[in-house]
Amino acid sequence: MLSSDVIKRIKQVEITTRRLLSGTFVGDYSSAKKGAGFEFDQIRDYQLGDDVRFIDWKASARSNKLLIKQYIEERNRSVIVVTDFSQSTDYSSSAKSKFDILTEIAAVLALVANYGKDQAALLIFTNEVEVFIPPAKGRKHIHKIMETLFSYKPKNSGTNIDIALEQLAKLRRKDSIVFLLSDFIDQIDEKKLHIVSKIYDLVAIECLDKNETVLPSVGFIQMEDLETDQQIVVDTRRRSIQSLNRFLRNRLYLKENICKKYGIDFLQVSPDRPFIGDIIKFFKRRMMY
């Protein structure tokens, strides 16, 4: 039984996504690639240049104008959404945690994939692969993905992105795009990342809190590792914090350059900035809807 909070989040994401898809904000999504496939889309007015083989003569006779049957080209593309459920994503210095943002992005990607008649899949990982929902289409399937995203409680707290990459390499799904969603607070095996980037069209989406890129100078603060529960007290006024901030910036720079090296798009989102519209626009361009 889903909680009222989960149901509310699903509705909110659906409403926001549909509004952006149907508005002028991202353009006309009804212009998805059409062709002589097997899935009927609609009957519309004949336009100069249309294939006369698809004229619906009976409907044309009834309406006294030329009408044509339009079909959506059959595709077997898959959108695999790989989402980090490790404990470190629970951190937040604003209204929403990184985890909230990552799960919302994952839900939006699944919704838009379904809108474009593509299959959607979900892989949830911590320091192991905890959930895998194979690619499929349809509203029921997308709701299953969203329900899992908003209600699943992970068994583990750690992070191991390499485990997720290994699973992707084993799947070897042809004609697939993979969205890897994480805060990327983990060491990644470049060789495994390279292998996956050769198999799939790979996009990395990173969500970091603003305090994870630059620590503010606020005096003594107690810091806790959410995955190990280890605690330390840090004086943010000391010069050593300047070195730590340089380290945080360099870590981000390094990740961006590793992705660039292997032709992987690297997107950044933050809990304190709107993100759904930008994600949908990127998805639309990449999937050619």
C-alpha atoms as a PDB file:
ATOM      1  CA  MET A   1       0.000   0.000   0.000  1.00  0.00           C
ATOM      2  CA  LEU A   2       1.469   3.316  -1.088  1.00  0.00           C
ATOM      3  CA  SER A   3       1.619   6.118   1.435  1.00  0.00           C
ATOM      4  CA  SER A   4      -0.196   9.401   0.792  1.00  0.00           C
ATOM      5  CA  ASP A   5       3.198  11.124   0.494  1.00  0.00           C
ATOM      6  CA  VAL A   6       4.315   8.761  -2.293  1.00  0.00           C
ATOM      7  CA  ILE A   7       1.018   9.202  -4.162  1.00  0.00           C
ATOM      8  CA  LYS A   8       1.350  12.989  -3.823  1.00  0.00           C
ATOM      9  CA  ARG A   9       4.918  12.982  -5.201  1.00  0.00           C
ATOM     10  CA  ILE A  10       3.905  10.829  -8.177  1.00  0.00           C
ATOM     11  CA  LYS A  11       1.035  13.189  -9.017  1.00  0.00           C
ATOM     12  CA  GLN A  12       3.220  16.275  -8.652  1.00  0.00           C
ATOM     13  CA  VAL A  13       5.915  14.894 -10.971  1.00  0.00           C
ATOM     14  CA  GLU A  14       3.317  13.788 -13.539  1.00  0.00           C
ATOM     15  CA  ILE A  15       1.539  17.154 -13.541  1.00  0.00           C
ATOM     16  CA  THR A  16       4.784  19.153 -13.811  1.00  0.00           C
ATOM     17  CA  THR A  17       6.186  16.932 -16.561  1.00  0.00           C
ATOM     18  CA  ARG A  18       2.994  16.941 -18.615  1.00  0.00           C
ATOM     19  CA  ARG A  19       2.692  20.713 -18.310  1.00  0.00           C
ATOM     20  CA  LEU A  20       6.219  21.207 -19.618  1.00  0.00           C
ATOM     21  CA  LEU A  21       5.752  18.631 -22.368  1.00  0.00           C
ATOM     22  CA  SER A  22       2.512  20.170 -23.630  1.00  0.00           C
ATOM     23  CA  GLY A  23       3.608  23.790 -23.381  1.00  0.00           C
ATOM     24  CA  THR A  24       5.732  25.921 -25.653  1.00  0.00           C
ATOM     25  CA  PHE A  25       8.524  25.637 -23.088  1.00  0.00           C
ATOM     26  CA  VAL A  26      10.064  22.619 -24.822  1.00  0.00           C
ATOM     27  CA  GLY A  27       8.366  22.746 -28.211  1.00  0.00           C
ATOM     28  CA  ASP A  28       5.903  20.390 -29.813  1.00  0.00           C
ATOM     29  CA  TYR A  29       6.428  16.839 -28.620  1.00  0.00           C
ATOM     30  CA  SER A  30       3.774  15.580 -31.020  1.00  0.00           C
ATOM     31  CA  SER A  31       6.437  15.902 -33.719  1.00  0.00           C
ATOM     32  CA  ALA A  32       8.029  12.630 -32.652  1.00  0.00           C
ATOM     33  CA  LYS A  33       9.491  10.681 -35.539  1.00  0.00           C
ATOM     34  CA  LYS A  34       6.694   9.248 -37.697  1.00  0.00           C
ATOM     35  CA  GLY A  35       6.831   6.578 -40.314  1.00  0.00           C
ATOM     36  CA  ALA A  36       5.247   3.468 -41.766  1.00  0.00           C
ATOM     37  CA  GLY A  37       5.413   1.474 -38.570  1.00  0.00           C
ATOM     38  CA  PHE A  38       2.849  -0.710 -36.900  1.00  0.00           C
ATOM     39  CA  GLU A  39       1.502   1.614 -34.211  1.00  0.00           C
ATOM     40  CA  PHE A  40      -1.400   3.812 -35.253  1.00  0.00           C
ATOM     41  CA  ASP A  41      -1.140   7.415 -34.011  1.00  0.00           C
ATOM     42  CA  GLN A  42      -3.964   9.510 -35.467  1.00  0.00           C
ATOM     43  CA  ILE A  43      -5.988  10.530 -38.526  1.00  0.00           C
ATOM     44  CA  ARG A  44      -5.185  14.039 -39.762  1.00  0.00           C
ATOM     45  CA  ASP A  45      -5.649  16.286 -42.789  1.00  0.00           C
ATOM     46  CA  TYR A  46      -3.660  15.341 -45.859  1.00  0.00           C
ATOM     47  CA  GLN A  47      -0.685  17.633 -46.492  1.00  0.00           C
ATOM     48  CA  LEU A  48       1.260  18.138 -49.709  1.00  0.00           C
ATOM     49  CA  GLY A  49       4.062  15.581 -49.805  1.00  0.00           C
ATOM     50  CA  ASP A  50       2.325  12.922 -47.678  1.00  0.00           C
ATOM     51  CA  ASP A  51       2.468   9.335 -48.920  1.00  0.00           C
ATOM     52  CA  VAL A  52      -0.808   8.704 -50.776  1.00  0.00           C
ATOM     53  CA  ARG A  53      -0.701   5.057 -49.673  1.00  0.00           C
ATOM     54  CA  PHE A  54      -1.804   6.161 -46.201  1.00  0.00           C
ATOM     55  CA  ILE A  55      -4.896   8.110 -47.279  1.00  0.00           C
ATOM     56  CA  ASP A  56      -7.971   6.857 -45.388  1.00  0.00           C
ATOM     57  CA  TRP A  57     -10.503   6.833 -48.230  1.00  0.00           C
ATOM     58  CA  LYS A  58     -13.504   5.898 -46.089  1.00  0.00           C
ATOM     59  CA  ALA A  59     -12.846   8.646 -43.529  1.00  0.00           C
ATOM     60  CA  SER A  60     -12.121  11.078 -46.373  1.00  0.00           C
ATOM     61  CA  ALA A  61     -15.477  10.276 -48.021  1.00  0.00           C
ATOM     62  CA  ARG A  62     -17.364  10.807 -44.755  1.00  0.00           C
ATOM     63  CA  SER A  63     -15.731  14.178 -44.034  1.00  0.00           C
ATOM     64  CA  ASN A  64     -15.553  15.356 -47.663  1.00  0.00           C
ATOM     65  CA  LYS A  65     -11.813  16.086 -47.406  1.00  0.00           C
ATOM     66  CA  LEU A  66      -8.631  14.101 -47.760  1.00  0.00           C
ATOM     67  CA  LEU A  67      -7.525  12.466 -44.494  1.00  0.00           C
ATOM     68  CA  ILE A  68      -4.415  10.402 -43.873  1.00  0.00           C
ATOM     69  CA  LYS A  69      -3.540   7.747 -41.327  1.00  0.00           C
ATOM     70  CA  GLN A  70      -0.426   8.588 -39.336  1.00  0.00           C
ATOM     71  CA  TYR A  71       1.707   5.986 -37.617  1.00  0.00           C
ATOM     72  CA  ILE A  72       4.490   6.138 -35.066  1.00  0.00           C
ATOM     73  CA  GLU A  73       7.544   4.310 -36.270  1.00  0.00           C
ATOM     74  CA  GLU A  74       8.192   1.170 -34.303  1.00  0.00           C
ATOM     75  CA  ARG A  75      11.424   1.439 -32.297  1.00  0.00           C
ATOM     76  CA  ASN A  76      13.129  -0.714 -29.759  1.00  0.00           C
ATOM     77  CA  ARG A  77      15.004   2.010 -27.920  1.00  0.00           C
ATOM     78  CA  SER A  78      15.444   1.799 -24.185  1.00  0.00           C
ATOM     79  CA  VAL A  79      16.090   4.472 -21.591  1.00  0.00           C
ATOM     80  CA  ILE A  80      17.870   2.949 -18.586  1.00  0.00           C
ATOM     81  CA  VAL A  81      17.752   5.161 -15.509  1.00  0.00           C
ATOM     82  CA  VAL A  82      20.469   4.222 -13.000  1.00  0.00           C
ATOM     83  CA  THR A  83      19.884   5.872  -9.631  1.00  0.00           C
ATOM     84  CA  ASP A  84      22.123   6.184  -6.565  1.00  0.00           C
ATOM     85  CA  PHE A  85      20.244   5.311  -3.346  1.00  0.00           C
ATOM     86  CA  SER A  86      23.279   5.475  -1.057  1.00  0.00           C
ATOM     87  CA  GLN A  87      23.075   7.261   2.275  1.00  0.00           C
ATOM     88  CA  SER A  88      25.221  10.189   1.145  1.00  0.00           C
ATOM     89  CA  THR A  89      22.389  11.381  -1.117  1.00  0.00           C
ATOM     90  CA  ASP A  90      20.254  12.098   1.962  1.00  0.00           C
ATOM     91  CA  TYR A  91      22.308  15.201   2.751  1.00  0.00           C
ATOM     92  CA  SER A  92      20.676  18.592   2.335  1.00  0.00           C
ATOM     93  CA  SER A  93      21.164  22.179   3.422  1.00  0.00           C
ATOM     94  CA  SER A  94      17.938  23.280   1.699  1.00  0.00           C
ATOM     95  CA  ALA A  95      14.302  22.186   1.495  1.00  0.00           C
ATOM     96  CA  LYS A  96      15.031  19.173  -0.708  1.00  0.00           C
ATOM     97  CA  SER A  97      17.764  16.579  -0.295  1.00  0.00           C
ATOM     98  CA  LYS A  98      19.937  15.293  -3.107  1.00  0.00           C
ATOM     99  CA  PHE A  99      17.952  12.057  -2.883  1.00  0.00           C
ATOM    100  CA  ASP A 100      14.686  13.915  -3.523  1.00  0.00           C
ATOM    101  CA  ILE A 101      16.184  15.554  -6.607  1.00  0.00           C
ATOM    102  CA  LEU A 102      17.705  12.354  -8.009  1.00  0.00           C
ATOM    103  CA  THR A 103      14.480  10.364  -7.636  1.00  0.00           C
ATOM    104  CA  GLU A 104      12.425  13.154  -9.224  1.00  0.00           C
ATOM    105  CA  ILE A 105      14.817  13.341 -12.183  1.00  0.00           C
ATOM    106  CA  ALA A 106      14.625   9.554 -12.586  1.00  0.00           C
ATOM    107  CA  ALA A 107      10.812   9.696 -12.583  1.00  0.00           C
ATOM    108  CA  VAL A 108      10.774  12.538 -15.147  1.00  0.00           C
ATOM    109  CA  LEU A 109      13.136  10.635 -17.468  1.00  0.00           C
ATOM    110  CA  ALA A 110      10.914   7.541 -17.304  1.00  0.00           C
ATOM    111  CA  LEU A 111       7.789   9.614 -18.020  1.00  0.00           C
ATOM    112  CA  VAL A 112       9.314  11.405 -21.002  1.00  0.00           C
ATOM    113  CA  ALA A 113      10.676   8.134 -22.418  1.00  0.00           C
ATOM    114  CA  ASN A 114       7.194   6.644 -22.262  1.00  0.00           C
ATOM    115  CA  TYR A 115       5.732   9.757 -23.903  1.00  0.00           C
ATOM    116  CA  GLY A 116       8.183   9.261 -26.771  1.00  0.00           C
ATOM    117  CA  LYS A 117       7.133   5.591 -27.157  1.00  0.00           C
ATOM    118  CA  ASP A 118      10.484   4.339 -25.882  1.00  0.00           C
ATOM    119  CA  GLN A 119      11.012   1.660 -23.278  1.00  0.00           C
ATOM    120  CA  ALA A 120      12.098   2.636 -19.766  1.00  0.00           C
ATOM    121  CA  ALA A 121      14.105   0.651 -17.225  1.00  0.00           C
ATOM    122  CA  LEU A 122      15.233   1.354 -13.661  1.00  0.00           C
ATOM    123  CA  LEU A 123      18.369   0.244 -11.853  1.00  0.00           C
ATOM    124  CA  ILE A 124      18.831   1.209  -8.184  1.00  0.00           C
ATOM    125  CA  PHE A 125      22.221   0.784  -6.533  1.00  0.00           C
ATOM    126  CA  THR A 126      24.019   1.421  -3.256  1.00  0.00           C
ATOM    127  CA  ASN A 127      27.156  -0.650  -2.719  1.00  0.00           C
ATOM    128  CA  GLU A 128      25.293  -3.357  -4.653  1.00  0.00           C
ATOM    129  CA  VAL A 129      22.566  -3.474  -7.282  1.00  0.00           C
ATOM    130  CA  GLU A 130      19.375  -3.574  -5.212  1.00  0.00           C
ATOM    131  CA  VAL A 131      16.624  -3.215  -7.839  1.00  0.00           C
ATOM    132  CA  PHE A 132      16.380  -3.782 -11.578  1.00  0.00           C
ATOM    133  CA  ILE A 133      13.130  -3.251 -13.469  1.00  0.00           C
ATOM    134  CA  PRO A 134      13.643  -4.387 -17.100  1.00  0.00           C
ATOM    135  CA  PRO A 135      12.730  -2.125 -20.051  1.00  0.00           C
ATOM    136  CA  ALA A 136       9.067  -1.942 -21.024  1.00  0.00           C
ATOM    137  CA  LYS A 137       6.455   0.546 -22.188  1.00  0.00           C
ATOM    138  CA  GLY A 138       3.083   1.710 -20.921  1.00  0.00           C
ATOM    139  CA  ARG A 139       1.539   3.760 -18.164  1.00  0.00           C
ATOM    140  CA  LYS A 140       1.334   0.818 -15.751  1.00  0.00           C
ATOM    141  CA  HIS A 141       5.049   0.109 -16.162  1.00  0.00           C
ATOM    142  CA  ILE A 142       6.019   3.765 -15.655  1.00  0.00           C
ATOM    143  CA  HIS A 143       3.900   3.928 -12.514  1.00  0.00           C
ATOM    144  CA  LYS A 144       5.718   0.846 -11.218  1.00  0.00           C
ATOM    145  CA  ILE A 145       9.028   2.659 -11.759  1.00  0.00           C
ATOM    146  CA  MET A 146       7.813   5.815 -10.017  1.00  0.00           C
ATOM    147  CA  GLU A 147       6.303   3.882  -7.112  1.00  0.00           C
ATOM    148  CA  THR A 148       9.628   2.087  -6.646  1.00  0.00           C
ATOM    149  CA  LEU A 149      11.599   5.335  -6.806  1.00  0.00           C
ATOM    150  CA  PHE A 150       9.459   7.048  -4.186  1.00  0.00           C
ATOM    151  CA  SER A 151       8.867   4.145  -1.791  1.00  0.00           C
ATOM    152  CA  TYR A 152      11.873   1.790  -1.935  1.00  0.00           C
ATOM    153  CA  LYS A 153      14.011   1.617   1.218  1.00  0.00           C
ATOM    154  CA  PRO A 154      17.613   0.612   0.450  1.00  0.00           C
ATOM    155  CA  LYS A 155      19.197  -2.297   2.310  1.00  0.00           C
ATOM    156  CA  ASN A 156      22.680  -0.769   2.313  1.00  0.00           C
ATOM    157  CA  SER A 157      24.138   2.663   2.989  1.00  0.00           C
ATOM    158  CA  GLY A 158      27.380   2.651   0.982  1.00  0.00           C
ATOM    159  CA  THR A 159      28.168   3.675  -2.594  1.00  0.00           C
ATOM    160  CA  ASN A 160      29.763   1.575  -5.330  1.00  0.00           C
ATOM    161  CA  ILE A 161      29.249   3.034  -8.785  1.00  0.00           C
ATOM    162  CA  ASP A 162      31.492   0.344 -10.267  1.00  0.00           C
ATOM    163  CA  ILE A 163      28.896  -2.288  -9.293  1.00  0.00           C
ATOM    164  CA  ALA A 164      26.279  -0.438 -11.330  1.00  0.00           C
ATOM    165  CA  LEU A 165      28.685  -0.132 -14.272  1.00  0.00           C
ATOM    166  CA  GLU A 166      29.416  -3.880 -14.122  1.00  0.00           C
ATOM    167  CA  GLN A 167      25.695  -4.660 -14.231  1.00  0.00           C
ATOM    168  CA  LEU A 168      25.218  -2.374 -17.228  1.00  0.00           C
ATOM    169  CA  ALA A 169      28.090  -4.065 -19.034  1.00  0.00           C
ATOM    170  CA  LYS A 170      26.444  -7.457 -18.456  1.00  0.00           C
ATOM    171  CA  LEU A 171      23.060  -6.283 -19.745  1.00  0.00           C
ATOM    172  CA  ARG A 172      24.442  -5.029 -23.082  1.00  0.00           C
ATOM    173  CA  ARG A 173      21.099  -3.588 -24.203  1.00  0.00           C
ATOM    174  CA  LYS A 174      21.378  -2.443 -27.811  1.00  0.00           C
ATOM    175  CA  ASP A 175      20.097   0.981 -28.883  1.00  0.00           C
ATOM    176  CA  SER A 176      19.895   2.251 -25.308  1.00  0.00           C
ATOM    177  CA  ILE A 177      20.685   5.492 -23.560  1.00  0.00           C
ATOM    178  CA  VAL A 178      21.784   5.291 -19.919  1.00  0.00           C
ATOM    179  CA  PHE A 179      21.301   8.106 -17.422  1.00  0.00           C
ATOM    180  CA  LEU A 180      23.591   7.626 -14.422  1.00  0.00           C
ATOM    181  CA  LEU A 181      22.230   9.693 -11.513  1.00  0.00           C
ATOM    182  CA  SER A 182      24.422  10.166  -8.434  1.00  0.00           C
ATOM    183  CA  ASP A 183      26.305  12.615  -6.241  1.00  0.00           C
ATOM    184  CA  PHE A 184      29.413  10.757  -7.492  1.00  0.00           C
ATOM    185  CA  ILE A 185      31.051  10.786  -4.058  1.00  0.00           C
ATOM    186  CA  ASP A 186      32.933   7.624  -4.910  1.00  0.00           C
ATOM    187  CA  GLN A 187      36.022   6.448  -6.745  1.00  0.00           C
ATOM    188  CA  ILE A 188      35.132   5.219 -10.228  1.00  0.00           C
ATOM    189  CA  ASP A 189      37.113   2.656 -12.209  1.00  0.00           C
ATOM    190  CA  GLU A 190      37.850   4.519 -15.442  1.00  0.00           C
ATOM    191  CA  LYS A 191      38.217   1.278 -17.377  1.00  0.00           C
ATOM    192  CA  LYS A 192      34.690   0.172 -16.430  1.00  0.00           C
ATOM    193  CA  LEU A 193      33.317   3.607 -17.230  1.00  0.00           C
ATOM    194  CA  HIS A 194      34.997   3.475 -20.633  1.00  0.00           C
ATOM    195  CA  ILE A 195      33.541   0.016 -21.376  1.00  0.00           C
ATOM    196  CA  VAL A 196      29.994   1.148 -20.541  1.00  0.00           C
ATOM    197  CA  SER A 197      30.404   4.348 -22.581  1.00  0.00           C
ATOM    198  CA  LYS A 198      31.282   2.209 -25.619  1.00  0.00           C
ATOM    199  CA  ILE A 199      28.213  -0.003 -25.187  1.00  0.00           C
ATOM    200  CA  TYR A 200      25.676   2.734 -24.444  1.00  0.00           C
ATOM    201  CA  ASP A 201      24.965   6.363 -25.059  1.00  0.00           C
ATOM    202  CA  LEU A 202      25.863   7.398 -21.501  1.00  0.00           C
ATOM    203  CA  VAL A 203      24.829  10.572 -19.657  1.00  0.00           C
ATOM    204  CA  ALA A 204      26.038  11.363 -16.127  1.00  0.00           C
ATOM    205  CA  ILE A 205      23.821  13.616 -13.996  1.00  0.00           C
ATOM    206  CA  GLU A 206      25.408  14.815 -10.779  1.00  0.00           C
ATOM    207  CA  CYS A 207      23.541  16.359  -7.861  1.00  0.00           C
ATOM    208  CA  LEU A 208      25.612  18.071  -5.195  1.00  0.00           C
ATOM    209  CA  ASP A 209      24.570  20.367  -2.388  1.00  0.00           C
ATOM    210  CA  LYS A 210      26.148  23.824  -2.515  1.00  0.00           C
ATOM    211  CA  ASN A 211      28.010  23.074   0.737  1.00  0.00           C
ATOM    212  CA  GLU A 212      29.668  20.087  -0.928  1.00  0.00           C
ATOM    213  CA  THR A 213      31.435  22.296  -3.435  1.00  0.00           C
ATOM    214  CA  VAL A 214      32.497  25.143  -1.119  1.00  0.00           C
ATOM    215  CA  LEU A 215      32.365  25.031   2.691  1.00  0.00           C
ATOM    216  CA  PRO A 216      31.220  28.339   4.232  1.00  0.00           C
ATOM    217  CA  SER A 217      33.334  30.018   6.912  1.00  0.00           C
ATOM    218  CA  VAL A 218      31.026  29.655   9.933  1.00  0.00           C
ATOM    219  CA  GLY A 219      33.400  28.553  12.698  1.00  0.00           C
ATOM    220  CA  PHE A 220      33.293  25.115  14.298  1.00  0.00           C
ATOM    221  CA  ILE A 221      30.911  22.589  12.765  1.00  0.00           C
ATOM    222  CA  GLN A 222      30.392  18.892  13.391  1.00  0.00           C
ATOM    223  CA  MET A 223      30.543  16.793  10.249  1.00  0.00           C
ATOM    224  CA  GLU A 224      29.266  13.238   9.862  1.00  0.00           C
ATOM    225  CA  ASP A 225      29.828  10.679   7.146  1.00  0.00           C
ATOM    226  CA  LEU A 226      26.271   9.520   6.375  1.00  0.00           C
ATOM    227  CA  GLU A 227      27.508   6.171   5.095  1.00  0.00           C
ATOM    228  CA  THR A 228      29.872   5.277   7.968  1.00  0.00           C
ATOM    229  CA  ASP A 229      28.487   7.456  10.826  1.00  0.00           C
ATOM    230  CA  GLN A 230      32.022   8.729  11.502  1.00  0.00           C
ATOM    231  CA  GLN A 231      32.006  12.238  13.032  1.00  0.00           C
ATOM    232  CA  ILE A 232      34.617  14.981  13.196  1.00  0.00           C
ATOM    233  CA  VAL A 233      34.656  18.628  14.320  1.00  0.00           C
ATOM    234  CA  VAL A 234      36.061  21.096  11.779  1.00  0.00           C
ATOM    235  CA  ASP A 235      37.012  24.748  12.188  1.00  0.00           C
ATOM    236  CA  THR A 236      35.886  26.293   8.907  1.00  0.00           C
ATOM    237  CA  ARG A 237      37.816  29.490   9.638  1.00  0.00           C
ATOM    238  CA  ARG A 238      41.213  27.783   9.384  1.00  0.00           C
ATOM    239  CA  ARG A 239      43.396  28.017   6.296  1.00  0.00           C
ATOM    240  CA  SER A 240      43.170  24.256   5.893  1.00  0.00           C
ATOM    241  CA  ILE A 241      39.531  24.754   4.824  1.00  0.00           C
ATOM    242  CA  GLN A 242      40.769  26.794   1.867  1.00  0.00           C
ATOM    243  CA  SER A 243      42.764  23.749   0.814  1.00  0.00           C
ATOM    244  CA  LEU A 244      39.695  21.553   1.308  1.00  0.00           C
ATOM    245  CA  ASN A 245      37.621  23.873  -0.889  1.00  0.00           C
ATOM    246  CA  ARG A 246      40.279  23.675  -3.587  1.00  0.00           C
ATOM    247  CA  PHE A 247      40.129  19.889  -3.278  1.00  0.00           C
ATOM    248  CA  LEU A 248      36.328  19.925  -3.697  1.00  0.00           C
ATOM    249  CA  ARG A 249      36.576  22.111  -6.799  1.00  0.00           C
ATOM    250  CA  ASN A 250      39.351  19.951  -8.253  1.00  0.00           C
ATOM    251  CA  ARG A 251      37.319  16.807  -7.625  1.00  0.00           C
ATOM    252  CA  LEU A 252      34.455  18.261  -9.673  1.00  0.00           C
ATOM    253  CA  TYR A 253      36.850  19.380 -12.412  1.00  0.00           C
ATOM    254  CA  LEU A 254      38.378  15.886 -12.553  1.00  0.00           C
ATOM    255  CA  LYS A 255      34.991  14.179 -12.912  1.00  0.00           C
ATOM    256  CA  GLU A 256      33.971  16.522 -15.712  1.00  0.00           C
ATOM    257  CA  ASN A 257      37.200  15.851 -17.573  1.00  0.00           C
ATOM    258  CA  ILE A 258      36.960  12.071 -17.170  1.00  0.00           C
ATOM    259  CA  CYS A 259      33.482  12.174 -18.702  1.00  0.00           C
ATOM    260  CA  LYS A 260      34.676  14.445 -21.505  1.00  0.00           C
ATOM    261  CA  LYS A 261      37.550  12.037 -22.185  1.00  0.00           C
ATOM    262  CA  TYR A 262      35.102   9.215 -22.942  1.00  0.00           C
ATOM    263  CA  GLY A 263      32.455  11.297 -24.717  1.00  0.00           C
ATOM    264  CA  ILE A 264      30.017  11.223 -21.789  1.00  0.00           C
ATOM    265  CA  ASP A 265      27.679  14.165 -21.264  1.00  0.00           C
ATOM    266  CA  PHE A 266      28.086  15.483 -17.705  1.00  0.00           C
ATOM    267  CA  LEU A 267      25.156  17.474 -16.330  1.00  0.00           C
ATOM    268  CA  GLN A 268      24.935  19.137 -12.943  1.00  0.00           C
ATOM    269  CA  VAL A 269      21.829  19.876 -10.908  1.00  0.00           C
ATOM    270  CA  SER A 270      21.428  21.386  -7.477  1.00  0.00           C
ATOM    271  CA  PRO A 271      18.672  21.217  -4.839  1.00  0.00           C
ATOM    272  CA  ASP A 272      18.474  25.024  -4.765  1.00  0.00           C
ATOM    273  CA  ARG A 273      17.857  25.506  -8.525  1.00  0.00           C
ATOM    274  CA  PRO A 274      14.955  24.471 -10.839  1.00  0.00           C
ATOM    275  CA  PHE A 275      15.971  21.477 -12.920  1.00  0.00           C
ATOM    276  CA  ILE A 276      13.035  19.609 -14.498  1.00  0.00           C
ATOM    277  CA  GLY A 277      12.683  21.930 -17.498  1.00  0.00           C
ATOM    278  CA  ASP A 278      16.382  21.726 -18.321  1.00  0.00           C
ATOM    279  CA  ILE A 279      16.359  17.913 -18.021  1.00  0.00           C
ATOM    280  CA  ILE A 280      13.365  17.625 -20.377  1.00  0.00           C
ATOM    281  CA  LYS A 281      14.945  19.956 -22.944  1.00  0.00           C
ATOM    282  CA  PHE A 282      18.190  17.974 -22.866  1.00  0.00           C
ATOM    283  CA  PHE A 283      16.283  14.686 -23.198  1.00  0.00           C
ATOM    284  CA  LYS A 284      14.273  16.036 -26.135  1.00  0.00           C
ATOM    285  CA  ARG A 285      17.426  17.048 -27.997  1.00  0.00           C
ATOM    286  CA  ARG A 286      19.231  13.790 -27.279  1.00  0.00           C
ATOM    287  CA  MET A 287      16.339  11.472 -28.172  1.00  0.00           C
ATOM    288  CA  MET A 288      15.281  13.591 -31.199  1.00  0.00           C
ATOM    289  CA  TYR A 289      11.629  13.812 -30.174  1.00  0.00           C
END
